[in-house]
Each structure stands twice: as structure tokens, then as C-alpha cells.
Amino acid sequence: MESLTLSQKIYLLGIHPKKGGIISPAYTAMDYCILGALFLELYQLKKIKIINKRIVLIDGKTDNELYRFILEKIGRSEKSRRISHWVNKFYFSLKYIRSVTQHQLAQKKIIVMEQKRFLFFTWNTPYIYDKQFVTKLLTEVEKQILQNPSSETEIFLLSFVKPAGLMRRIFPEREKRRQAGKRLTRLMNTNPVSIAVADSIAVAKAVTQSISTVSASHNSVT
């Protein structure tokens, strides 16, 4: 299977399988979730640390366009700031971040972008191109939820399933969705045996809680 980043997987899972565009449960929070996922990618790459819900820059060097864009902004701050501060700070950059993510997935030939027009307005809509790939990804995520995640990357992905509004996409059947929701809640709230797993969950919760709070705040204003 084609290797995707955390943010790319989250965006891909949010695309409507038939109509294209982002599914309605994921529409309002998706851009924030992409940003939050990028923070976790940078954390895994040891470019940043997340301490007491604050982002601390470690290494600002990277060839990745989105990583560089985020790290340069963080690097201009004279002190470490809370995750919620940076989510707000990137509010006007969410469209750019989304467009780069779309371009990356289109380059991998997993999605295609189609231009839509209504009167004088035009916009680009994502459609799933590699349906088999997405089916495999959905199966993998479902398996991770119903069993136990075996890596930090899986924990990070599962932590975004609810904030990104992906439960109905992954579990169309109501009863199965209800059971999976309970498992996810237990995973993120139960004290795990492994210290490494506990640290991963703590970091994931810090990021997802921040983006959920800021997203809800902006949506209530708009």
C-alpha cells in the first residue's frame, strides 16, 4: 500500500466515496484536523516537542513544504506557546494547508481534483480515484479500533477519528459504530500498561482537544 502521512490519511478518509467532497460530519473540523495531524507528524520526526500542551521547537530544518511552512512560523516565536495558540495562528493558512495536502494525494494518484462552477464561482472538489486503496485503508483503521493499536502512528490516527467526524464513514452500521465508539473512548482514557503508549495518548489528546476547542469556537462565531 502506498505510504501516506497521518494528515493525508485523515483527509482521504473524509472524502465522500461517491459524491466527492468532504462528508458532512467531517466538513467543519477537517482543516483543523489536518493541521493537528501535521503537529503530530512533526512530533514523531522530533522536529517539535509537546510539553504541558505547549509546542517547543527542536529542529526547524526540513525539505517538506508543509513542515517548513509550520516550523518557520513556530520558529519566529520567542517562547513556547500553547497548541491552541498555534491552531488559532494558522487559521488563515488552513486553505493553503488543505490545498497542499490535496496536491500531494493527487500526485500519488489516490484522488483527483475536479473544478466545479456555479454562476461566477469556481472551486475544486476532491474525488477518490484509487477506490481499492481507500477500501484497504478503511479496513486497516477498523481493525485497529476493534483490536488494539500496535504503534504510536496508529494511536495518533485513531485519536482523530472522532474529532474529524469519521465514525460514520468507517462504521456505517449503527450498532457497530456505537461499540467502536466505546472502544475508542476507553483507549484514550484508560491508563495503559506501557509508559510509551501513555505518552503517545497524552500527546494525541493534547492536540485533538485543542483543535476541537478552537474549531468549535470559530464555527460558533461564523
Protein backbone atom coordinates (compact mmCIF):
# COMPACT_ATOMS: atom_id res chain seq x y z
CA MET A 1 0.00 0.00 0.00
CA GLU A 2 1.17 3.50 -0.86
CA SER A 3 2.75 5.20 2.15
CA LEU A 4 0.71 8.14 3.39
CA THR A 5 1.28 10.58 6.21
CA LEU A 6 -1.14 10.89 9.11
CA SER A 7 -2.65 14.12 7.75
CA GLN A 8 -3.09 12.60 4.28
CA LYS A 9 -4.90 9.56 5.70
CA ILE A 10 -7.28 11.71 7.73
CA TYR A 11 -8.15 13.88 4.74
CA LEU A 12 -8.59 10.88 2.46
CA LEU A 13 -10.96 9.17 4.92
CA GLY A 14 -13.10 12.31 4.96
CA ILE A 15 -13.83 12.30 1.21
CA HIS A 16 -17.30 11.11 0.22
CA PRO A 17 -16.87 7.78 -1.63
CA LYS A 18 -19.45 8.58 -4.35
CA LYS A 19 -20.23 12.30 -4.43
CA GLY A 20 -16.72 13.60 -3.78
CA GLY A 21 -16.02 16.50 -1.45
CA ILE A 22 -15.82 16.13 2.31
CA ILE A 23 -18.55 14.17 4.08
CA SER A 24 -20.88 16.36 6.14
CA PRO A 25 -19.86 15.09 9.63
CA ALA A 26 -16.21 15.93 8.82
CA TYR A 27 -16.75 19.19 6.95
CA THR A 28 -16.37 21.75 9.75
CA ALA A 29 -13.41 20.18 11.55
CA MET A 30 -11.39 18.63 8.72
CA ASP A 31 -9.00 21.52 8.09
CA TYR A 32 -8.19 21.78 11.80
CA CYS A 33 -7.62 18.03 11.99
CA ILE A 34 -5.16 18.18 9.09
CA LEU A 35 -3.24 20.88 10.98
CA GLY A 36 -3.32 18.88 14.21
CA ALA A 37 -2.10 15.79 12.39
CA LEU A 38 0.80 17.79 10.98
CA PHE A 39 1.78 18.77 14.52
CA LEU A 40 1.88 15.08 15.45
CA GLU A 41 3.92 14.25 12.35
CA LEU A 42 6.46 16.89 13.37
CA TYR A 43 6.44 15.45 16.89
CA GLN A 44 7.21 11.97 15.55
CA LEU A 45 10.02 13.37 13.42
CA LYS A 46 11.44 15.03 16.56
CA LYS A 47 11.10 18.48 14.99
CA ILE A 48 8.99 19.64 17.95
CA LYS A 49 8.19 18.57 21.49
CA ILE A 50 4.78 18.91 23.12
CA ILE A 51 5.16 19.66 26.82
CA ASN A 52 2.23 20.69 29.03
CA LYS A 53 0.19 21.38 25.88
CA ARG A 54 2.91 23.72 24.60
CA ILE A 55 4.85 23.28 21.38
CA VAL A 56 8.61 23.53 21.70
CA LEU A 57 10.74 23.79 18.55
CA ILE A 58 13.65 21.36 18.38
CA ASP A 59 14.75 21.30 14.74
CA GLY A 60 13.45 23.66 12.07
CA LYS A 61 15.26 22.05 9.13
CA THR A 62 13.18 20.14 6.57
CA ASP A 63 12.65 19.80 2.83
CA ASN A 64 8.92 19.15 3.20
CA GLU A 65 6.84 22.14 2.07
CA LEU A 66 4.17 21.96 4.77
CA TYR A 67 6.59 21.10 7.54
CA ARG A 68 8.79 24.04 6.60
CA PHE A 69 5.81 26.39 6.49
CA ILE A 70 4.73 25.40 10.01
CA LEU A 71 8.20 25.22 11.55
CA GLU A 72 9.17 28.65 10.23
CA LYS A 73 6.17 30.24 11.92
CA ILE A 74 6.80 28.41 15.17
CA GLY A 75 10.47 29.36 14.98
CA ARG A 76 9.64 33.08 14.84
CA SER A 77 8.08 32.94 18.29
CA GLU A 78 10.38 33.97 21.12
CA LYS A 79 8.87 31.44 23.53
CA SER A 80 6.98 28.17 23.53
CA ARG A 81 3.23 28.64 23.15
CA ARG A 82 0.16 26.51 23.71
CA ILE A 83 -1.17 24.25 20.96
CA SER A 84 -4.40 26.26 20.90
CA HIS A 85 -2.39 29.42 20.19
CA TRP A 86 -0.84 27.82 17.11
CA VAL A 87 -4.16 26.42 15.91
CA ASN A 88 -5.53 29.96 16.01
CA LYS A 89 -2.35 31.34 14.45
CA PHE A 90 -2.72 29.06 11.41
CA TYR A 91 -6.44 29.80 10.96
CA PHE A 92 -5.89 31.91 7.83
CA SER A 93 -3.48 29.29 6.45
CA LEU A 94 -5.88 26.33 6.64
CA LYS A 95 -6.92 26.67 3.00
CA TYR A 96 -3.30 26.63 1.86
CA ILE A 97 -2.51 23.60 4.05
CA ARG A 98 -5.54 21.76 2.65
CA SER A 99 -4.59 22.57 -0.95
CA VAL A 100 -1.06 21.21 -0.48
CA THR A 101 -2.49 18.04 1.08
CA GLN A 102 -4.84 17.65 -1.89
CA HIS A 103 -1.96 18.15 -4.31
CA GLN A 104 0.13 15.51 -2.54
CA LEU A 105 -2.68 12.95 -2.73
CA ALA A 106 -3.36 13.82 -6.38
CA GLN A 107 0.33 13.30 -7.19
CA LYS A 108 0.09 9.83 -5.67
CA LYS A 109 -2.96 9.25 -7.93
CA ILE A 110 -5.19 8.43 -4.98
CA ILE A 111 -7.56 11.34 -5.56
CA VAL A 112 -8.40 13.59 -8.49
CA MET A 113 -9.40 17.24 -8.26
CA GLU A 114 -12.29 18.40 -10.45
CA GLN A 115 -13.22 22.03 -10.99
CA LYS A 116 -16.83 22.93 -10.26
CA ARG A 117 -18.64 26.07 -11.39
CA PHE A 118 -21.79 27.88 -10.33
CA LEU A 119 -22.51 31.25 -11.93
CA PHE A 120 -19.26 33.21 -11.49
CA PHE A 121 -17.87 30.97 -8.74
CA THR A 122 -15.41 28.12 -9.28
CA TRP A 123 -13.89 25.69 -6.82
CA ASN A 124 -12.02 22.39 -6.79
CA THR A 125 -13.61 19.23 -5.40
CA PRO A 126 -11.69 16.07 -4.44
CA TYR A 127 -12.86 12.67 -5.69
CA ILE A 128 -11.46 9.29 -4.74
CA TYR A 129 -9.57 7.84 -7.70
CA ASP A 130 -7.99 4.74 -6.14
CA LYS A 131 -11.06 3.18 -4.52
CA GLN A 132 -9.24 -0.06 -3.73
CA PHE A 133 -6.61 1.82 -1.76
CA VAL A 134 -9.24 3.63 0.31
CA THR A 135 -11.10 0.36 0.99
CA LYS A 136 -7.87 -1.15 2.34
CA LEU A 137 -7.25 1.92 4.48
CA LEU A 138 -10.76 1.76 5.93
CA THR A 139 -10.28 -1.94 6.72
CA GLU A 140 -6.98 -1.21 8.47
CA VAL A 141 -8.48 1.57 10.62
CA GLU A 142 -11.49 -0.56 11.52
CA LYS A 143 -9.18 -3.38 12.58
CA GLN A 144 -7.08 -1.02 14.71
CA ILE A 145 -10.19 0.24 16.50
CA LEU A 146 -11.75 -3.17 17.13
CA GLN A 147 -8.43 -4.60 18.31
CA ASN A 148 -5.71 -2.53 19.94
CA PRO A 149 -3.34 -0.14 18.12
CA SER A 150 0.19 -1.54 17.99
CA SER A 151 2.16 1.62 17.28
CA GLU A 152 2.30 5.33 18.06
CA THR A 153 1.27 6.10 14.47
CA GLU A 154 -1.90 4.01 14.88
CA ILE A 155 -2.72 5.69 18.20
CA PHE A 156 -2.35 9.10 16.59
CA LEU A 157 -4.62 8.14 13.69
CA LEU A 158 -7.32 6.71 15.95
CA SER A 159 -7.25 9.81 18.13
CA PHE A 160 -8.57 11.84 15.17
CA VAL A 161 -11.41 9.51 14.17
CA LYS A 162 -14.00 11.21 16.39
CA PRO A 163 -12.77 14.85 16.14
CA ALA A 164 -12.65 14.53 12.34
CA GLY A 165 -16.18 13.13 12.17
CA LEU A 166 -15.12 9.84 10.59
CA MET A 167 -17.04 7.32 12.71
CA ARG A 168 -19.97 7.00 10.32
CA ARG A 169 -17.58 6.67 7.36
CA ILE A 170 -15.68 3.81 8.97
CA PHE A 171 -18.68 2.15 10.62
CA PRO A 172 -21.85 2.66 8.54
CA GLU A 173 -23.79 0.22 10.76
CA ARG A 174 -25.17 1.97 13.84
CA GLU A 175 -24.61 -0.79 16.40
CA LYS A 176 -21.06 -1.48 15.26
CA ARG A 177 -20.37 2.26 15.32
CA ARG A 178 -21.67 2.50 18.89
CA GLN A 179 -19.43 -0.34 20.07
CA ALA A 180 -16.42 1.08 18.25
CA GLY A 181 -17.05 4.48 19.82
CA LYS A 182 -16.93 2.95 23.29
CA ARG A 183 -13.67 1.18 22.47
CA LEU A 184 -12.12 4.43 21.25
CA THR A 185 -13.19 6.23 24.41
CA ARG A 186 -11.68 3.51 26.61
CA LEU A 187 -8.47 3.58 24.60
CA MET A 188 -7.98 7.32 25.04
CA ASN A 189 -8.99 7.40 28.72
CA THR A 190 -7.79 4.14 30.26
CA ASN A 191 -4.34 4.11 31.79
CA PRO A 192 -2.23 1.81 29.56
CA VAL A 193 0.46 -0.54 30.83
CA SER A 194 3.20 0.86 28.61
CA ILE A 195 4.69 4.25 29.50
CA ALA A 196 5.41 4.84 25.82
CA VAL A 197 1.76 4.24 24.94
CA ALA A 198 0.66 6.52 27.79
CA ASP A 199 2.90 9.31 26.47
CA SER A 200 1.57 8.86 22.92
CA ILE A 201 -2.03 9.04 24.11
CA ALA A 202 -1.31 12.11 26.23
CA VAL A 203 0.24 13.94 23.27
CA ALA A 204 -2.59 12.90 20.93
CA LYS A 205 -5.23 14.05 23.44
CA ALA A 206 -3.49 17.40 23.94
CA VAL A 207 -3.56 18.08 20.20
CA THR A 208 -7.07 16.79 19.44
CA GLN A 209 -8.62 18.56 22.42
CA SER A 210 -7.01 21.84 21.34
CA ILE A 211 -8.20 21.61 17.75
CA SER A 212 -11.71 20.58 18.84
CA THR A 213 -11.96 23.58 21.17
CA VAL A 214 -10.65 26.09 18.64
CA SER A 215 -12.71 24.61 15.81
CA ALA A 216 -15.91 24.84 17.87
CA SER A 217 -15.06 28.40 18.84
CA HIS A 218 -14.55 29.55 15.24
CA ASN A 219 -17.66 27.74 14.00
CA SER A 220 -19.83 29.34 16.68
CA VAL A 221 -18.66 32.78 15.52
CA THR A 222 -19.21 32.06 11.84
